[in-house]
N, C-alpha and C. Protein backbone atom coordinates (compact mmCIF):
# COMPACT_ATOMS: atom_id res chain seq x y z
N UNK A 1 112.83 73.85 148.54
CA UNK A 1 111.79 73.83 147.45
C UNK A 1 112.42 73.27 146.23
N UNK A 2 111.55 72.45 145.49
CA UNK A 2 112.01 71.99 144.22
C UNK A 2 110.87 71.79 143.23
N UNK A 3 111.23 72.02 141.96
CA UNK A 3 110.27 71.74 140.85
C UNK A 3 110.34 70.31 140.47
N UNK A 4 109.21 69.71 140.17
CA UNK A 4 109.09 68.36 139.80
C UNK A 4 108.29 68.37 138.47
N UNK A 5 108.92 67.94 137.34
CA UNK A 5 108.06 67.78 136.09
C UNK A 5 107.17 66.60 136.36
N UNK A 6 105.94 66.79 135.91
CA UNK A 6 104.91 65.79 136.27
C UNK A 6 103.85 65.54 135.23
N UNK A 7 103.14 64.46 135.37
CA UNK A 7 101.97 64.16 134.58
C UNK A 7 100.85 63.85 135.52
N UNK A 8 100.97 64.32 136.69
CA UNK A 8 99.97 64.11 137.85
C UNK A 8 98.81 65.28 137.59
N UNK A 9 98.04 64.99 136.53
CA UNK A 9 97.00 65.98 136.14
C UNK A 9 96.00 66.20 137.17
N UNK A 10 95.63 65.18 138.01
CA UNK A 10 94.65 65.28 139.04
C UNK A 10 95.22 66.23 140.13
N UNK A 11 96.50 66.10 140.43
CA UNK A 11 97.06 66.96 141.51
C UNK A 11 97.09 68.34 141.11
N UNK A 12 97.49 68.58 139.77
CA UNK A 12 97.48 70.00 139.25
C UNK A 12 96.07 70.56 139.27
N UNK A 13 95.12 69.77 138.80
CA UNK A 13 93.67 70.27 138.72
C UNK A 13 93.21 70.54 140.19
N UNK A 14 93.63 69.71 141.13
CA UNK A 14 93.19 69.94 142.53
C UNK A 14 93.75 71.31 143.04
N UNK A 15 95.08 71.53 142.79
CA UNK A 15 95.62 72.78 143.14
C UNK A 15 94.99 74.00 142.50
N UNK A 16 94.77 73.79 141.16
CA UNK A 16 94.09 74.80 140.42
C UNK A 16 92.75 75.27 140.95
N UNK A 17 91.95 74.23 141.31
CA UNK A 17 90.60 74.59 141.83
C UNK A 17 90.72 75.26 143.23
N UNK A 18 91.71 74.87 143.98
CA UNK A 18 91.90 75.51 145.27
C UNK A 18 92.43 76.90 145.18
N UNK A 19 93.35 77.17 144.28
CA UNK A 19 93.96 78.49 144.13
C UNK A 19 93.10 79.47 143.32
N UNK A 20 92.25 78.91 142.38
CA UNK A 20 91.37 79.79 141.54
C UNK A 20 89.90 79.20 141.64
N UNK A 21 89.26 79.31 142.78
CA UNK A 21 87.92 78.70 142.93
C UNK A 21 86.89 79.40 142.13
N UNK A 22 87.08 80.59 141.65
CA UNK A 22 86.07 81.30 140.90
C UNK A 22 86.33 81.26 139.36
N UNK A 23 87.50 80.70 138.96
CA UNK A 23 87.82 80.67 137.48
C UNK A 23 87.36 79.34 136.89
N UNK A 24 87.25 79.43 135.57
CA UNK A 24 86.89 78.17 134.85
C UNK A 24 88.09 77.22 135.02
N UNK A 25 87.85 75.92 135.16
CA UNK A 25 88.98 75.00 135.29
C UNK A 25 89.65 74.76 133.86
N UNK A 26 90.86 74.54 133.93
CA UNK A 26 91.55 74.19 132.64
C UNK A 26 91.39 72.71 132.46
N UNK A 27 90.96 72.29 131.25
CA UNK A 27 90.62 70.95 130.99
C UNK A 27 91.70 70.15 130.13
N UNK A 28 92.63 70.91 129.57
CA UNK A 28 93.51 70.22 128.68
C UNK A 28 94.95 70.20 129.23
N UNK A 29 95.06 69.75 130.45
CA UNK A 29 96.36 69.64 131.14
C UNK A 29 97.23 68.68 130.40
N UNK A 30 96.62 67.60 129.90
CA UNK A 30 97.42 66.60 129.22
C UNK A 30 98.17 67.00 127.93
N UNK A 31 97.82 68.11 127.39
CA UNK A 31 98.57 68.64 126.23
C UNK A 31 99.61 69.62 126.63
N UNK A 32 99.91 69.77 127.89
CA UNK A 32 100.88 70.69 128.33
C UNK A 32 102.07 70.01 129.09
N UNK A 33 103.18 70.76 129.19
CA UNK A 33 104.30 70.30 130.01
C UNK A 33 104.07 70.92 131.40
N UNK A 34 104.09 70.17 132.50
CA UNK A 34 103.67 70.65 133.72
C UNK A 34 104.82 70.42 134.83
N UNK A 35 104.85 71.33 135.81
CA UNK A 35 105.72 71.12 136.89
C UNK A 35 104.92 71.39 138.16
N UNK A 36 105.20 70.67 139.29
CA UNK A 36 104.74 71.00 140.58
C UNK A 36 105.93 71.54 141.46
N UNK A 37 105.57 72.39 142.31
CA UNK A 37 106.54 73.03 143.23
C UNK A 37 106.19 72.46 144.57
N UNK A 38 107.26 71.77 145.20
CA UNK A 38 107.12 71.08 146.36
C UNK A 38 108.01 71.63 147.45
N UNK A 39 107.47 71.83 148.68
CA UNK A 39 108.19 72.22 149.87
C UNK A 39 107.98 71.12 150.90
N UNK A 40 109.04 70.31 151.14
CA UNK A 40 108.93 69.19 152.05
C UNK A 40 108.02 68.20 151.38
N UNK A 41 106.93 67.79 152.08
CA UNK A 41 105.95 66.84 151.59
C UNK A 41 104.77 67.54 150.98
N UNK A 42 104.75 68.89 150.88
CA UNK A 42 103.53 69.56 150.49
C UNK A 42 103.74 70.26 149.05
N UNK A 43 102.75 70.05 148.25
CA UNK A 43 102.67 70.78 146.97
C UNK A 43 102.22 72.15 147.25
N UNK A 44 103.01 73.17 146.88
CA UNK A 44 102.66 74.52 147.16
C UNK A 44 102.44 75.34 145.81
N UNK A 45 102.65 74.75 144.72
CA UNK A 45 102.40 75.46 143.49
C UNK A 45 102.54 74.57 142.19
N UNK A 46 102.21 75.13 141.11
CA UNK A 46 102.29 74.47 139.81
C UNK A 46 102.44 75.45 138.69
N UNK A 47 102.98 74.99 137.56
CA UNK A 47 102.98 75.85 136.37
C UNK A 47 103.06 74.90 135.24
N UNK A 48 102.78 75.52 133.99
CA UNK A 48 102.84 74.71 132.73
C UNK A 48 103.12 75.62 131.53
N UNK A 49 103.38 74.88 130.51
CA UNK A 49 103.54 75.51 129.22
C UNK A 49 102.96 74.59 128.15
N UNK A 50 102.35 75.14 127.20
CA UNK A 50 101.62 74.34 126.18
C UNK A 50 102.15 74.71 124.87
N UNK A 51 102.77 73.77 124.13
CA UNK A 51 103.25 74.03 122.76
C UNK A 51 102.07 74.28 121.91
N UNK A 52 102.11 75.30 121.05
CA UNK A 52 100.98 75.66 120.16
C UNK A 52 101.20 75.19 118.75
N UNK A 53 102.48 75.28 118.29
CA UNK A 53 102.92 74.84 116.99
C UNK A 53 104.46 74.60 117.18
N UNK A 54 105.17 74.51 115.99
CA UNK A 54 106.58 74.25 116.00
C UNK A 54 107.38 75.41 116.48
N UNK A 55 106.85 76.64 116.60
CA UNK A 55 107.65 77.85 116.92
C UNK A 55 107.12 78.54 118.16
N UNK A 56 105.87 78.36 118.57
CA UNK A 56 105.29 79.08 119.66
C UNK A 56 104.74 78.14 120.71
N UNK A 57 104.83 78.66 121.97
CA UNK A 57 104.22 78.04 123.09
C UNK A 57 103.46 79.03 123.97
N UNK A 58 102.66 78.55 124.89
CA UNK A 58 101.76 79.40 125.64
C UNK A 58 101.96 79.07 127.17
N UNK A 59 102.23 80.05 127.96
CA UNK A 59 102.31 79.95 129.34
C UNK A 59 100.88 79.80 129.86
N UNK A 60 100.55 78.51 130.39
CA UNK A 60 99.24 78.33 130.85
C UNK A 60 99.23 78.79 132.32
N UNK A 61 98.10 78.78 132.92
CA UNK A 61 97.93 79.26 134.30
C UNK A 61 98.92 78.53 135.28
N UNK A 62 99.40 79.37 136.16
CA UNK A 62 100.23 78.86 137.26
C UNK A 62 99.62 79.37 138.62
N UNK A 63 99.92 78.54 139.63
CA UNK A 63 99.36 78.97 140.86
C UNK A 63 100.29 78.65 142.04
N UNK A 64 100.13 79.42 143.09
CA UNK A 64 101.00 79.26 144.25
C UNK A 64 100.23 79.50 145.53
N UNK A 65 100.43 78.70 146.49
CA UNK A 65 99.81 78.78 147.75
C UNK A 65 100.07 80.21 148.30
N UNK A 66 98.98 80.85 148.82
CA UNK A 66 99.01 82.31 149.24
C UNK A 66 100.14 82.54 150.20
N UNK A 67 100.47 81.70 151.09
CA UNK A 67 101.58 81.97 152.15
C UNK A 67 102.95 81.95 151.55
N UNK A 68 103.06 81.50 150.25
CA UNK A 68 104.40 81.53 149.59
C UNK A 68 104.48 82.61 148.61
N UNK A 69 103.51 83.39 148.38
CA UNK A 69 103.57 84.55 147.48
C UNK A 69 104.41 85.59 147.96
N UNK A 70 104.91 86.45 147.00
CA UNK A 70 105.76 87.53 147.37
C UNK A 70 107.24 87.27 147.55
N UNK A 71 107.66 86.06 147.23
CA UNK A 71 109.03 85.62 147.43
C UNK A 71 109.78 85.27 146.07
N UNK A 72 109.29 85.74 145.06
CA UNK A 72 109.83 85.57 143.71
C UNK A 72 109.68 84.21 143.01
N UNK A 73 108.79 83.42 143.63
CA UNK A 73 108.57 82.10 143.07
C UNK A 73 107.86 82.11 141.72
N UNK A 74 106.98 83.10 141.53
CA UNK A 74 106.26 83.18 140.28
C UNK A 74 107.29 83.49 139.10
N UNK A 75 108.25 84.42 139.42
CA UNK A 75 109.27 84.65 138.42
C UNK A 75 110.13 83.45 138.12
N UNK A 76 110.39 82.67 139.16
CA UNK A 76 111.08 81.33 139.04
C UNK A 76 110.34 80.45 138.14
N UNK A 77 108.93 80.40 138.33
CA UNK A 77 108.10 79.56 137.45
C UNK A 77 108.12 79.99 135.99
N UNK A 78 108.09 81.35 135.78
CA UNK A 78 108.17 81.89 134.44
C UNK A 78 109.50 81.58 133.82
N UNK A 79 110.57 81.70 134.55
CA UNK A 79 111.96 81.46 134.01
C UNK A 79 112.19 79.98 133.69
N UNK A 80 111.59 79.11 134.50
CA UNK A 80 111.63 77.66 134.33
C UNK A 80 111.03 77.32 132.92
N UNK A 81 109.89 77.87 132.64
CA UNK A 81 109.16 77.59 131.43
C UNK A 81 109.87 78.25 130.18
N UNK A 82 110.48 79.45 130.43
CA UNK A 82 111.23 80.10 129.36
C UNK A 82 112.47 79.22 129.00
N UNK A 83 113.10 78.75 130.03
CA UNK A 83 114.26 77.84 129.79
C UNK A 83 113.89 76.61 129.00
N UNK A 84 112.70 75.94 129.46
CA UNK A 84 112.25 74.76 128.71
C UNK A 84 112.01 75.09 127.25
N UNK A 85 111.42 76.21 127.02
CA UNK A 85 111.03 76.57 125.61
C UNK A 85 112.28 76.85 124.81
N UNK A 86 113.27 77.54 125.38
CA UNK A 86 114.60 77.72 124.72
C UNK A 86 115.22 76.41 124.41
N UNK A 87 115.29 75.53 125.34
CA UNK A 87 115.97 74.19 125.26
C UNK A 87 115.29 73.25 124.15
N UNK A 88 114.04 73.62 123.92
CA UNK A 88 113.22 72.83 122.95
C UNK A 88 113.00 73.60 121.62
N UNK A 89 113.86 74.59 121.39
CA UNK A 89 113.86 75.28 120.10
C UNK A 89 112.66 76.08 119.75
N UNK A 90 111.92 76.55 120.76
CA UNK A 90 110.73 77.45 120.38
C UNK A 90 111.25 78.86 120.18
N UNK A 91 110.57 79.66 119.35
CA UNK A 91 110.93 80.95 119.04
C UNK A 91 110.21 82.10 119.81
N UNK A 92 109.02 81.69 120.26
CA UNK A 92 108.14 82.72 120.93
C UNK A 92 107.40 82.08 122.03
N UNK A 93 107.07 82.84 123.13
CA UNK A 93 106.15 82.33 124.15
C UNK A 93 105.11 83.54 124.17
N UNK A 94 103.84 83.13 124.38
CA UNK A 94 102.74 83.99 124.55
C UNK A 94 101.92 83.62 125.80
N UNK A 95 101.29 84.64 126.31
CA UNK A 95 100.39 84.36 127.49
C UNK A 95 99.45 85.50 127.62
N UNK A 96 98.56 85.47 128.56
CA UNK A 96 97.58 86.56 128.86
C UNK A 96 97.42 86.69 130.32
N UNK A 97 96.95 87.85 130.79
CA UNK A 97 96.66 88.09 132.18
C UNK A 97 95.35 88.93 132.21
N UNK A 98 94.74 88.91 133.36
CA UNK A 98 93.60 89.78 133.60
C UNK A 98 94.20 91.16 133.79
N UNK A 99 93.49 92.22 133.50
CA UNK A 99 93.91 93.54 133.61
C UNK A 99 94.18 93.95 135.08
N UNK A 100 93.54 93.22 136.01
CA UNK A 100 93.68 93.64 137.44
C UNK A 100 94.73 92.72 138.21
N UNK A 101 95.36 91.86 137.47
CA UNK A 101 96.32 90.91 138.12
C UNK A 101 97.71 91.49 138.10
N UNK A 102 97.89 92.56 138.92
CA UNK A 102 99.03 93.27 138.90
C UNK A 102 100.34 92.44 139.32
N UNK A 103 100.24 91.58 140.22
CA UNK A 103 101.47 90.65 140.49
C UNK A 103 101.92 89.91 139.25
N UNK A 104 101.04 89.32 138.45
CA UNK A 104 101.36 88.58 137.22
C UNK A 104 101.96 89.59 136.29
N UNK A 105 101.24 90.72 136.06
CA UNK A 105 101.76 91.69 135.16
C UNK A 105 103.21 92.08 135.41
N UNK A 106 103.46 92.40 136.67
CA UNK A 106 104.78 92.83 137.13
C UNK A 106 105.79 91.78 136.91
N UNK A 107 105.46 90.57 137.23
CA UNK A 107 106.35 89.36 136.97
C UNK A 107 106.75 89.22 135.56
N UNK A 108 105.71 89.33 134.60
CA UNK A 108 106.02 89.17 133.26
C UNK A 108 106.90 90.32 132.70
N UNK A 109 106.65 91.49 133.18
CA UNK A 109 107.48 92.60 132.82
C UNK A 109 108.91 92.40 133.32
N UNK A 110 109.09 91.96 134.55
CA UNK A 110 110.40 91.69 135.07
C UNK A 110 111.14 90.60 134.33
N UNK A 111 110.38 89.66 133.74
CA UNK A 111 110.98 88.63 132.90
C UNK A 111 111.03 88.95 131.48
N UNK A 112 110.88 90.20 131.12
CA UNK A 112 111.10 90.79 129.80
C UNK A 112 110.04 90.36 128.84
N UNK A 113 108.81 90.12 129.18
CA UNK A 113 107.70 89.97 128.32
C UNK A 113 107.20 91.36 127.92
N UNK A 114 106.67 91.42 126.71
CA UNK A 114 106.10 92.68 126.17
C UNK A 114 104.68 92.45 125.81
N UNK A 115 103.92 93.50 125.95
CA UNK A 115 102.44 93.48 125.59
C UNK A 115 102.37 93.49 124.07
N UNK A 116 101.23 92.96 123.62
CA UNK A 116 100.87 93.00 122.12
C UNK A 116 99.39 92.84 122.07
N UNK A 117 98.93 93.12 120.85
CA UNK A 117 97.50 92.96 120.45
C UNK A 117 97.36 91.87 119.47
N UNK A 118 96.87 90.67 119.90
CA UNK A 118 96.71 89.61 118.91
C UNK A 118 95.61 89.84 117.89
N UNK A 119 95.73 89.29 116.73
CA UNK A 119 94.76 89.37 115.66
C UNK A 119 93.44 88.73 116.20
N UNK A 120 93.53 87.65 116.97
CA UNK A 120 92.38 87.00 117.60
C UNK A 120 92.64 86.93 119.01
N UNK A 121 91.99 87.72 119.89
CA UNK A 121 92.12 87.73 121.31
C UNK A 121 91.49 86.55 121.97
N UNK A 122 92.19 85.39 122.01
CA UNK A 122 91.76 84.11 122.38
C UNK A 122 91.22 84.05 123.79
N UNK A 123 91.58 84.89 124.71
CA UNK A 123 91.09 84.82 126.09
C UNK A 123 90.09 85.96 126.36
N UNK A 124 89.68 86.67 125.38
CA UNK A 124 88.73 87.78 125.53
C UNK A 124 89.37 89.16 125.31
N UNK A 125 88.46 90.06 125.03
CA UNK A 125 88.90 91.43 124.73
C UNK A 125 89.38 92.11 125.97
N UNK A 126 89.05 91.72 127.19
CA UNK A 126 89.41 92.46 128.35
C UNK A 126 90.74 91.95 128.95
N UNK A 127 91.36 91.00 128.35
CA UNK A 127 92.68 90.46 128.77
C UNK A 127 93.81 91.27 128.25
N UNK A 128 94.95 91.15 128.91
CA UNK A 128 96.22 91.71 128.42
C UNK A 128 97.00 90.57 127.88
N UNK A 129 97.64 90.81 126.65
CA UNK A 129 98.40 89.79 125.91
C UNK A 129 99.91 90.10 126.03
N UNK A 130 100.68 89.05 126.10
CA UNK A 130 102.17 89.19 126.33
C UNK A 130 102.89 88.18 125.43
N UNK A 131 104.08 88.61 125.00
CA UNK A 131 104.93 87.66 124.20
C UNK A 131 106.40 87.94 124.66
N UNK A 132 107.15 86.89 124.39
CA UNK A 132 108.61 87.00 124.58
C UNK A 132 109.24 86.20 123.40
N UNK A 133 110.13 86.93 122.73
CA UNK A 133 110.98 86.23 121.68
C UNK A 133 112.11 85.51 122.31
N UNK A 134 112.43 84.41 121.79
CA UNK A 134 113.55 83.61 122.39
C UNK A 134 114.66 83.55 121.29
N UNK A 135 115.83 83.93 121.70
CA UNK A 135 116.97 83.81 120.84
C UNK A 135 117.41 82.35 120.61
N UNK A 136 117.65 81.92 119.46
CA UNK A 136 118.13 80.56 119.29
C UNK A 136 119.61 80.48 119.24
């Protein structure tokens, strides 16, 4: 398996609609840094990070083919984006999860993200909000 940094927005959008058929599609892929996860000739996942300003970035949705879940790949995708943020001198990463998305919640906790209450809950009041400070 390997991560490939990409600008193949159509491929990411295709995977997103396949992995999250009942969610709203993300439309601003082109303002994010994106990676595809490939196993052989098959794309099995994706992840991205979106710079918000000069100090903060946001973990956008990531997805993984169901047969590859439960093997630590989501943590690898989180850590890949944390490393990118550190290497590009960001100070904080934020993200959000649904309250019922226990795998994502557990992965964020394992990667040392902390919950917080934003002044403006950008994804809705029913979401959980997370941040991680990055040492420079």
